[in-house]
Amino acid sequence: DAAFTVPRRPASDIRYRPALGGGALWDLGVYPLRAALDLLGSDPGPRLVGATARRDPSDAVDTAGTALLDGGDGLAL
């Protein structure tokens, strides 16, 4: 498991502005994804088994998400 959290920011924070690359996936999701590619290999790359994203109705961007990746050979993250 990998978890990254950011304390709730003011509504004007760039993390809540889609035009500025806001949202959990763009802001923090790249770090566990990069770690997964390093651990599972990137050629041909892991297979996405499932994923979720959560968006609070008051926000214009995703605020949380999960993914399950299968790297083959019994390895999954």
PDB file of N, CA and C in Angstrom:
ATOM      1  N   ASP A   1       0.831  -1.175   0.000  1.00  0.00           N
ATOM      2  CA  ASP A   1       0.000   0.000   0.000  1.00  0.00           C
ATOM      3  C   ASP A   1       0.880   1.245   0.000  1.00  0.00           C
ATOM      4  N   ALA A   2       0.409   2.254  -0.673  1.00  0.00           N
ATOM      5  CA  ALA A   2       1.046   3.564  -0.635  1.00  0.00           C
ATOM      6  C   ALA A   2      -0.052   4.583  -0.389  1.00  0.00           C
ATOM      7  N   ALA A   3       0.182   5.466   0.522  1.00  0.00           N
ATOM      8  CA  ALA A   3      -0.819   6.488   0.821  1.00  0.00           C
ATOM      9  C   ALA A   3      -0.121   7.832   0.958  1.00  0.00           C
ATOM     10  N   PHE A   4      -0.658   8.805   0.296  1.00  0.00           N
ATOM     11  CA  PHE A   4      -0.166  10.173   0.395  1.00  0.00           C
ATOM     12  C   PHE A   4      -1.354  11.035   0.779  1.00  0.00           C
ATOM     13  N   THR A   5      -1.176  11.892   1.747  1.00  0.00           N
ATOM     14  CA  THR A   5      -2.265  12.766   2.164  1.00  0.00           C
ATOM     15  C   THR A   5      -1.779  14.206   2.234  1.00  0.00           C
ATOM     16  N   VAL A   6      -2.707  15.092   2.043  1.00  0.00           N
ATOM     17  CA  VAL A   6      -2.459  16.524   2.157  1.00  0.00           C
ATOM     18  C   VAL A   6      -3.574  17.078   3.032  1.00  0.00           C
ATOM     19  N   PRO A   7      -3.244  17.863   4.056  1.00  0.00           N
ATOM     20  CA  PRO A   7      -4.303  18.464   4.861  1.00  0.00           C
ATOM     21  C   PRO A   7      -5.239  19.296   3.980  1.00  0.00           C
ATOM     22  N   ARG A   8      -6.480  19.387   4.377  1.00  0.00           N
ATOM     23  CA  ARG A   8      -7.463  20.171   3.635  1.00  0.00           C
ATOM     24  C   ARG A   8      -6.950  21.597   3.472  1.00  0.00           C
ATOM     25  N   ARG A   9      -7.010  22.097   2.267  1.00  0.00           N
ATOM     26  CA  ARG A   9      -6.539  23.444   1.940  1.00  0.00           C
ATOM     27  C   ARG A   9      -7.736  24.368   1.704  1.00  0.00           C
ATOM     28  N   PRO A  10      -7.495  25.682   1.674  1.00  0.00           N
ATOM     29  CA  PRO A  10      -8.582  26.611   1.350  1.00  0.00           C
ATOM     30  C   PRO A  10      -9.134  26.315  -0.046  1.00  0.00           C
ATOM     31  N   ALA A  11     -10.377  26.621  -0.271  1.00  0.00           N
ATOM     32  CA  ALA A  11     -11.038  26.345  -1.557  1.00  0.00           C
ATOM     33  C   ALA A  11     -10.310  26.994  -2.729  1.00  0.00           C
ATOM     34  N   SER A  12      -9.549  28.054  -2.496  1.00  0.00           N
ATOM     35  CA  SER A  12      -8.835  28.745  -3.573  1.00  0.00           C
ATOM     36  C   SER A  12      -7.506  28.076  -3.938  1.00  0.00           C
ATOM     37  N   ASP A  13      -7.092  27.051  -3.197  1.00  0.00           N
ATOM     38  CA  ASP A  13      -5.820  26.374  -3.448  1.00  0.00           C
ATOM     39  C   ASP A  13      -5.803  25.760  -4.848  1.00  0.00           C
ATOM     40  N   ILE A  14      -4.637  25.752  -5.502  1.00  0.00           N
ATOM     41  CA  ILE A  14      -4.535  25.219  -6.866  1.00  0.00           C
ATOM     42  C   ILE A  14      -4.884  23.740  -6.942  1.00  0.00           C
ATOM     43  N   ARG A  15      -4.809  23.031  -5.843  1.00  0.00           N
ATOM     44  CA  ARG A  15      -5.149  21.604  -5.854  1.00  0.00           C
ATOM     45  C   ARG A  15      -6.617  21.363  -6.190  1.00  0.00           C
ATOM     46  N   TYR A  16      -7.441  22.380  -6.079  1.00  0.00           N
ATOM     47  CA  TYR A  16      -8.872  22.262  -6.386  1.00  0.00           C
ATOM     48  C   TYR A  16      -9.233  22.920  -7.710  1.00  0.00           C
ATOM     49  N   ARG A  17      -8.235  23.301  -8.498  1.00  0.00           N
ATOM     50  CA  ARG A  17      -8.495  23.986  -9.768  1.00  0.00           C
ATOM     51  C   ARG A  17      -8.056  23.100 -10.930  1.00  0.00           C
ATOM     52  N   PRO A  18      -9.011  22.496 -11.640  1.00  0.00           N
ATOM     53  CA  PRO A  18      -8.662  21.583 -12.728  1.00  0.00           C
ATOM     54  C   PRO A  18      -7.794  22.226 -13.807  1.00  0.00           C
ATOM     55  N   ALA A  19      -8.011  23.480 -14.107  1.00  0.00           N
ATOM     56  CA  ALA A  19      -7.246  24.147 -15.170  1.00  0.00           C
ATOM     57  C   ALA A  19      -5.764  24.282 -14.812  1.00  0.00           C
ATOM     58  N   LEU A  20      -5.443  24.190 -13.525  1.00  0.00           N
ATOM     59  CA  LEU A  20      -4.055  24.312 -13.078  1.00  0.00           C
ATOM     60  C   LEU A  20      -3.466  22.961 -12.680  1.00  0.00           C
ATOM     61  N   GLY A  21      -4.095  21.881 -13.122  1.00  0.00           N
ATOM     62  CA  GLY A  21      -3.575  20.552 -12.813  1.00  0.00           C
ATOM     63  C   GLY A  21      -3.916  20.076 -11.419  1.00  0.00           C
ATOM     64  N   GLY A  22      -5.013  20.571 -10.875  1.00  0.00           N
ATOM     65  CA  GLY A  22      -5.423  20.155  -9.542  1.00  0.00           C
ATOM     66  C   GLY A  22      -5.970  18.743  -9.521  1.00  0.00           C
ATOM     67  N   GLY A  23      -6.184  18.247  -8.345  1.00  0.00           N
ATOM     68  CA  GLY A  23      -6.724  16.908  -8.166  1.00  0.00           C
ATOM     69  C   GLY A  23      -5.688  15.965  -7.582  1.00  0.00           C
ATOM     70  N   ALA A  24      -6.181  14.955  -6.897  1.00  0.00           N
ATOM     71  CA  ALA A  24      -5.296  14.014  -6.205  1.00  0.00           C
ATOM     72  C   ALA A  24      -4.385  13.253  -7.162  1.00  0.00           C
ATOM     73  N   LEU A  25      -4.928  12.776  -8.277  1.00  0.00           N
ATOM     74  CA  LEU A  25      -4.101  11.985  -9.195  1.00  0.00           C
ATOM     75  C   LEU A  25      -2.958  12.815  -9.765  1.00  0.00           C
ATOM     76  N   TRP A  26      -3.248  13.996 -10.273  1.00  0.00           N
ATOM     77  CA  TRP A  26      -2.190  14.827 -10.870  1.00  0.00           C
ATOM     78  C   TRP A  26      -1.223  15.356  -9.815  1.00  0.00           C
ATOM     79  N   ASP A  27      -1.724  15.618  -8.600  1.00  0.00           N
ATOM     80  CA  ASP A  27      -0.876  16.219  -7.569  1.00  0.00           C
ATOM     81  C   ASP A  27       0.014  15.188  -6.872  1.00  0.00           C
ATOM     82  N   LEU A  28      -0.561  14.054  -6.473  1.00  0.00           N
ATOM     83  CA  LEU A  28       0.195  13.073  -5.693  1.00  0.00           C
ATOM     84  C   LEU A  28       0.228  11.674  -6.294  1.00  0.00           C
ATOM     85  N   GLY A  29      -0.726  11.354  -7.141  1.00  0.00           N
ATOM     86  CA  GLY A  29      -0.849   9.993  -7.653  1.00  0.00           C
ATOM     87  C   GLY A  29       0.331   9.505  -8.462  1.00  0.00           C
ATOM     88  N   VAL A  30       1.100  10.425  -9.013  1.00  0.00           N
ATOM     89  CA  VAL A  30       2.243  10.009  -9.829  1.00  0.00           C
ATOM     90  C   VAL A  30       3.332   9.331  -8.999  1.00  0.00           C
ATOM     91  N   TYR A  31       3.428   9.638  -7.719  1.00  0.00           N
ATOM     92  CA  TYR A  31       4.495   9.070  -6.893  1.00  0.00           C
ATOM     93  C   TYR A  31       4.298   7.576  -6.639  1.00  0.00           C
ATOM     94  N   PRO A  32       3.128   7.121  -6.169  1.00  0.00           N
ATOM     95  CA  PRO A  32       2.967   5.670  -6.023  1.00  0.00           C
ATOM     96  C   PRO A  32       2.936   4.946  -7.369  1.00  0.00           C
ATOM     97  N   LEU A  33       2.471   5.611  -8.420  1.00  0.00           N
ATOM     98  CA  LEU A  33       2.484   4.985  -9.742  1.00  0.00           C
ATOM     99  C   LEU A  33       3.921   4.749 -10.211  1.00  0.00           C
ATOM    100  N   ARG A  34       4.783   5.730 -10.016  1.00  0.00           N
ATOM    101  CA  ARG A  34       6.194   5.571 -10.386  1.00  0.00           C
ATOM    102  C   ARG A  34       6.837   4.447  -9.575  1.00  0.00           C
ATOM    103  N   ALA A  35       6.531   4.381  -8.284  1.00  0.00           N
ATOM    104  CA  ALA A  35       7.068   3.310  -7.446  1.00  0.00           C
ATOM    105  C   ALA A  35       6.580   1.950  -7.933  1.00  0.00           C
ATOM    106  N   ALA A  36       5.320   1.857  -8.326  1.00  0.00           N
ATOM    107  CA  ALA A  36       4.772   0.595  -8.844  1.00  0.00           C
ATOM    108  C   ALA A  36       5.492   0.179 -10.116  1.00  0.00           C
ATOM    109  N   LEU A  37       5.751   1.116 -11.004  1.00  0.00           N
ATOM    110  CA  LEU A  37       6.471   0.790 -12.239  1.00  0.00           C
ATOM    111  C   LEU A  37       7.893   0.322 -11.939  1.00  0.00           C
ATOM    112  N   ASP A  38       8.529   0.934 -10.952  1.00  0.00           N
ATOM    113  CA  ASP A  38       9.877   0.505 -10.572  1.00  0.00           C
ATOM    114  C   ASP A  38       9.864  -0.904  -9.976  1.00  0.00           C
ATOM    115  N   LEU A  39       8.841  -1.214  -9.174  1.00  0.00           N
ATOM    116  CA  LEU A  39       8.767  -2.518  -8.522  1.00  0.00           C
ATOM    117  C   LEU A  39       8.279  -3.626  -9.448  1.00  0.00           C
ATOM    118  N   LEU A  40       7.316  -3.302 -10.307  1.00  0.00           N
ATOM    119  CA  LEU A  40       6.696  -4.316 -11.162  1.00  0.00           C
ATOM    120  C   LEU A  40       7.306  -4.382 -12.555  1.00  0.00           C
ATOM    121  N   GLY A  41       8.111  -3.404 -12.898  1.00  0.00           N
ATOM    122  CA  GLY A  41       8.692  -3.360 -14.242  1.00  0.00           C
ATOM    123  C   GLY A  41       7.805  -2.562 -15.183  1.00  0.00           C
ATOM    124  N   SER A  42       8.417  -1.992 -16.187  1.00  0.00           N
ATOM    125  CA  SER A  42       7.660  -1.141 -17.110  1.00  0.00           C
ATOM    126  C   SER A  42       7.629  -1.690 -18.530  1.00  0.00           C
ATOM    127  N   ASP A  43       8.131  -2.908 -18.730  1.00  0.00           N
ATOM    128  CA  ASP A  43       8.110  -3.488 -20.072  1.00  0.00           C
ATOM    129  C   ASP A  43       7.605  -4.920 -19.998  1.00  0.00           C
ATOM    130  N   PRO A  44       6.377  -5.215 -20.281  1.00  0.00           N
ATOM    131  CA  PRO A  44       5.384  -4.371 -20.934  1.00  0.00           C
ATOM    132  C   PRO A  44       4.622  -3.478 -19.971  1.00  0.00           C
ATOM    133  N   GLY A  45       4.863  -3.585 -18.675  1.00  0.00           N
ATOM    134  CA  GLY A  45       4.174  -2.770 -17.689  1.00  0.00           C
ATOM    135  C   GLY A  45       3.079  -3.554 -16.999  1.00  0.00           C
ATOM    136  N   PRO A  46       2.701  -3.114 -15.813  1.00  0.00           N
ATOM    137  CA  PRO A  46       1.656  -3.809 -15.075  1.00  0.00           C
ATOM    138  C   PRO A  46       0.287  -3.629 -15.735  1.00  0.00           C
ATOM    139  N   ARG A  47      -0.596  -4.567 -15.423  1.00  0.00           N
ATOM    140  CA  ARG A  47      -1.967  -4.511 -15.931  1.00  0.00           C
ATOM    141  C   ARG A  47      -2.846  -3.901 -14.851  1.00  0.00           C
ATOM    142  N   LEU A  48      -3.676  -2.957 -15.230  1.00  0.00           N
ATOM    143  CA  LEU A  48      -4.612  -2.343 -14.299  1.00  0.00           C
ATOM    144  C   LEU A  48      -5.753  -3.313 -14.043  1.00  0.00           C
ATOM    145  N   VAL A  49      -5.916  -3.723 -12.792  1.00  0.00           N
ATOM    146  CA  VAL A  49      -6.989  -4.637 -12.412  1.00  0.00           C
ATOM    147  C   VAL A  49      -8.239  -3.850 -12.054  1.00  0.00           C
ATOM    148  N   GLY A  50      -8.068  -2.764 -11.339  1.00  0.00           N
ATOM    149  CA  GLY A  50      -9.206  -1.942 -10.947  1.00  0.00           C
ATOM    150  C   GLY A  50      -8.735  -0.614 -10.390  1.00  0.00           C
ATOM    151  N   ALA A  51      -9.612   0.359 -10.430  1.00  0.00           N
ATOM    152  CA  ALA A  51      -9.271   1.686  -9.912  1.00  0.00           C
ATOM    153  C   ALA A  51     -10.540   2.405  -9.488  1.00  0.00           C
ATOM    154  N   THR A  52     -10.390   3.309  -8.547  1.00  0.00           N
ATOM    155  CA  THR A  52     -11.494   4.156  -8.115  1.00  0.00           C
ATOM    156  C   THR A  52     -10.992   5.588  -8.007  1.00  0.00           C
ATOM    157  N   ALA A  53     -11.900   6.510  -8.098  1.00  0.00           N
ATOM    158  CA  ALA A  53     -11.600   7.926  -7.847  1.00  0.00           C
ATOM    159  C   ALA A  53     -12.773   8.491  -7.069  1.00  0.00           C
ATOM    160  N   ARG A  54     -12.479   9.386  -6.169  1.00  0.00           N
ATOM    161  CA  ARG A  54     -13.535   9.996  -5.368  1.00  0.00           C
ATOM    162  C   ARG A  54     -13.474  11.510  -5.543  1.00  0.00           C
ATOM    163  N   ARG A  55     -14.640  12.084  -5.733  1.00  0.00           N
ATOM    164  CA  ARG A  55     -14.750  13.538  -5.852  1.00  0.00           C
ATOM    165  C   ARG A  55     -15.839  14.004  -4.904  1.00  0.00           C
ATOM    166  N   ASP A  56     -15.483  14.889  -4.014  1.00  0.00           N
ATOM    167  CA  ASP A  56     -16.458  15.492  -3.121  1.00  0.00           C
ATOM    168  C   ASP A  56     -17.353  16.397  -3.954  1.00  0.00           C
ATOM    169  N   PRO A  57     -18.657  16.380  -3.742  1.00  0.00           N
ATOM    170  CA  PRO A  57     -19.550  17.216  -4.555  1.00  0.00           C
ATOM    171  C   PRO A  57     -19.193  18.707  -4.550  1.00  0.00           C
ATOM    172  N   SER A  58     -18.513  19.177  -3.514  1.00  0.00           N
ATOM    173  CA  SER A  58     -18.169  20.599  -3.456  1.00  0.00           C
ATOM    174  C   SER A  58     -16.865  20.926  -4.182  1.00  0.00           C
ATOM    175  N   ASP A  59     -16.147  19.905  -4.655  1.00  0.00           N
ATOM    176  CA  ASP A  59     -14.877  20.131  -5.350  1.00  0.00           C
ATOM    177  C   ASP A  59     -15.017  19.817  -6.833  1.00  0.00           C
ATOM    178  N   ALA A  60     -14.225  20.463  -7.662  1.00  0.00           N
ATOM    179  CA  ALA A  60     -14.262  20.238  -9.111  1.00  0.00           C
ATOM    180  C   ALA A  60     -13.222  19.217  -9.553  1.00  0.00           C
ATOM    181  N   VAL A  61     -12.498  18.631  -8.605  1.00  0.00           N
ATOM    182  CA  VAL A  61     -11.428  17.690  -8.931  1.00  0.00           C
ATOM    183  C   VAL A  61     -11.553  16.446  -8.056  1.00  0.00           C
ATOM    184  N   ASP A  62     -10.819  15.398  -8.427  1.00  0.00           N
ATOM    185  CA  ASP A  62     -10.775  14.193  -7.602  1.00  0.00           C
ATOM    186  C   ASP A  62     -10.001  14.495  -6.323  1.00  0.00           C
ATOM    187  N   THR A  63     -10.468  13.935  -5.205  1.00  0.00           N
ATOM    188  CA  THR A  63      -9.816  14.180  -3.924  1.00  0.00           C
ATOM    189  C   THR A  63      -9.185  12.921  -3.340  1.00  0.00           C
ATOM    190  N   ALA A  64      -9.434  11.769  -3.948  1.00  0.00           N
ATOM    191  CA  ALA A  64      -8.845  10.511  -3.484  1.00  0.00           C
ATOM    192  C   ALA A  64      -8.958   9.479  -4.594  1.00  0.00           C
ATOM    193  N   GLY A  65      -8.154   8.443  -4.497  1.00  0.00           N
ATOM    194  CA  GLY A  65      -8.240   7.376  -5.484  1.00  0.00           C
ATOM    195  C   GLY A  65      -7.426   6.173  -5.068  1.00  0.00           C
ATOM    196  N   THR A  66      -7.728   5.044  -5.688  1.00  0.00           N
ATOM    197  CA  THR A  66      -6.991   3.810  -5.451  1.00  0.00           C
ATOM    198  C   THR A  66      -6.798   3.090  -6.776  1.00  0.00           C
ATOM    199  N   ALA A  67      -5.810   2.222  -6.832  1.00  0.00           N
ATOM    200  CA  ALA A  67      -5.594   1.400  -8.023  1.00  0.00           C
ATOM    201  C   ALA A  67      -4.973   0.081  -7.600  1.00  0.00           C
ATOM    202  N   LEU A  68      -5.338  -0.989  -8.295  1.00  0.00           N
ATOM    203  CA  LEU A  68      -4.729  -2.297  -8.102  1.00  0.00           C
ATOM    204  C   LEU A  68      -4.060  -2.682  -9.405  1.00  0.00           C
ATOM    205  N   LEU A  69      -2.754  -2.916  -9.349  1.00  0.00           N
ATOM    206  CA  LEU A  69      -1.964  -3.246 -10.533  1.00  0.00           C
ATOM    207  C   LEU A  69      -1.423  -4.663 -10.412  1.00  0.00           C
ATOM    208  N   ASP A  70      -1.486  -5.420 -11.496  1.00  0.00           N
ATOM    209  CA  ASP A  70      -0.970  -6.788 -11.552  1.00  0.00           C
ATOM    210  C   ASP A  70       0.288  -6.794 -12.407  1.00  0.00           C
ATOM    211  N   GLY A  71       1.400  -7.149 -11.791  1.00  0.00           N
ATOM    212  CA  GLY A  71       2.664  -7.182 -12.514  1.00  0.00           C
ATOM    213  C   GLY A  71       3.007  -8.548 -13.068  1.00  0.00           C
ATOM    214  N   GLY A  72       2.104  -9.525 -12.912  1.00  0.00           N
ATOM    215  CA  GLY A  72       2.392 -10.884 -13.356  1.00  0.00           C
ATOM    216  C   GLY A  72       3.258 -11.601 -12.337  1.00  0.00           C
ATOM    217  N   ASP A  73       3.474 -12.883 -12.532  1.00  0.00           N
ATOM    218  CA  ASP A  73       4.304 -13.682 -11.629  1.00  0.00           C
ATOM    219  C   ASP A  73       3.851 -13.595 -10.176  1.00  0.00           C
ATOM    220  N   GLY A  74       2.555 -13.346  -9.955  1.00  0.00           N
ATOM    221  CA  GLY A  74       2.028 -13.284  -8.598  1.00  0.00           C
ATOM    222  C   GLY A  74       2.280 -11.979  -7.878  1.00  0.00           C
ATOM    223  N   LEU A  75       2.821 -10.992  -8.551  1.00  0.00           N
ATOM    224  CA  LEU A  75       3.084  -9.689  -7.931  1.00  0.00           C
ATOM    225  C   LEU A  75       1.942  -8.734  -8.225  1.00  0.00           C
ATOM    226  N   ALA A  76       1.452  -8.085  -7.194  1.00  0.00           N
ATOM    227  CA  ALA A  76       0.386  -7.097  -7.371  1.00  0.00           C
ATOM    228  C   ALA A  76       0.590  -5.972  -6.371  1.00  0.00           C
ATOM    229  N   LEU A  77       0.229  -4.789  -6.781  1.00  0.00           N
ATOM    230  CA  LEU A  77       0.272  -3.600  -5.915  1.00  0.00           C
ATOM    231  C   LEU A  77      -1.033  -2.868  -6.055  1.00  0.00           C
TER     232      LEU A  77
END
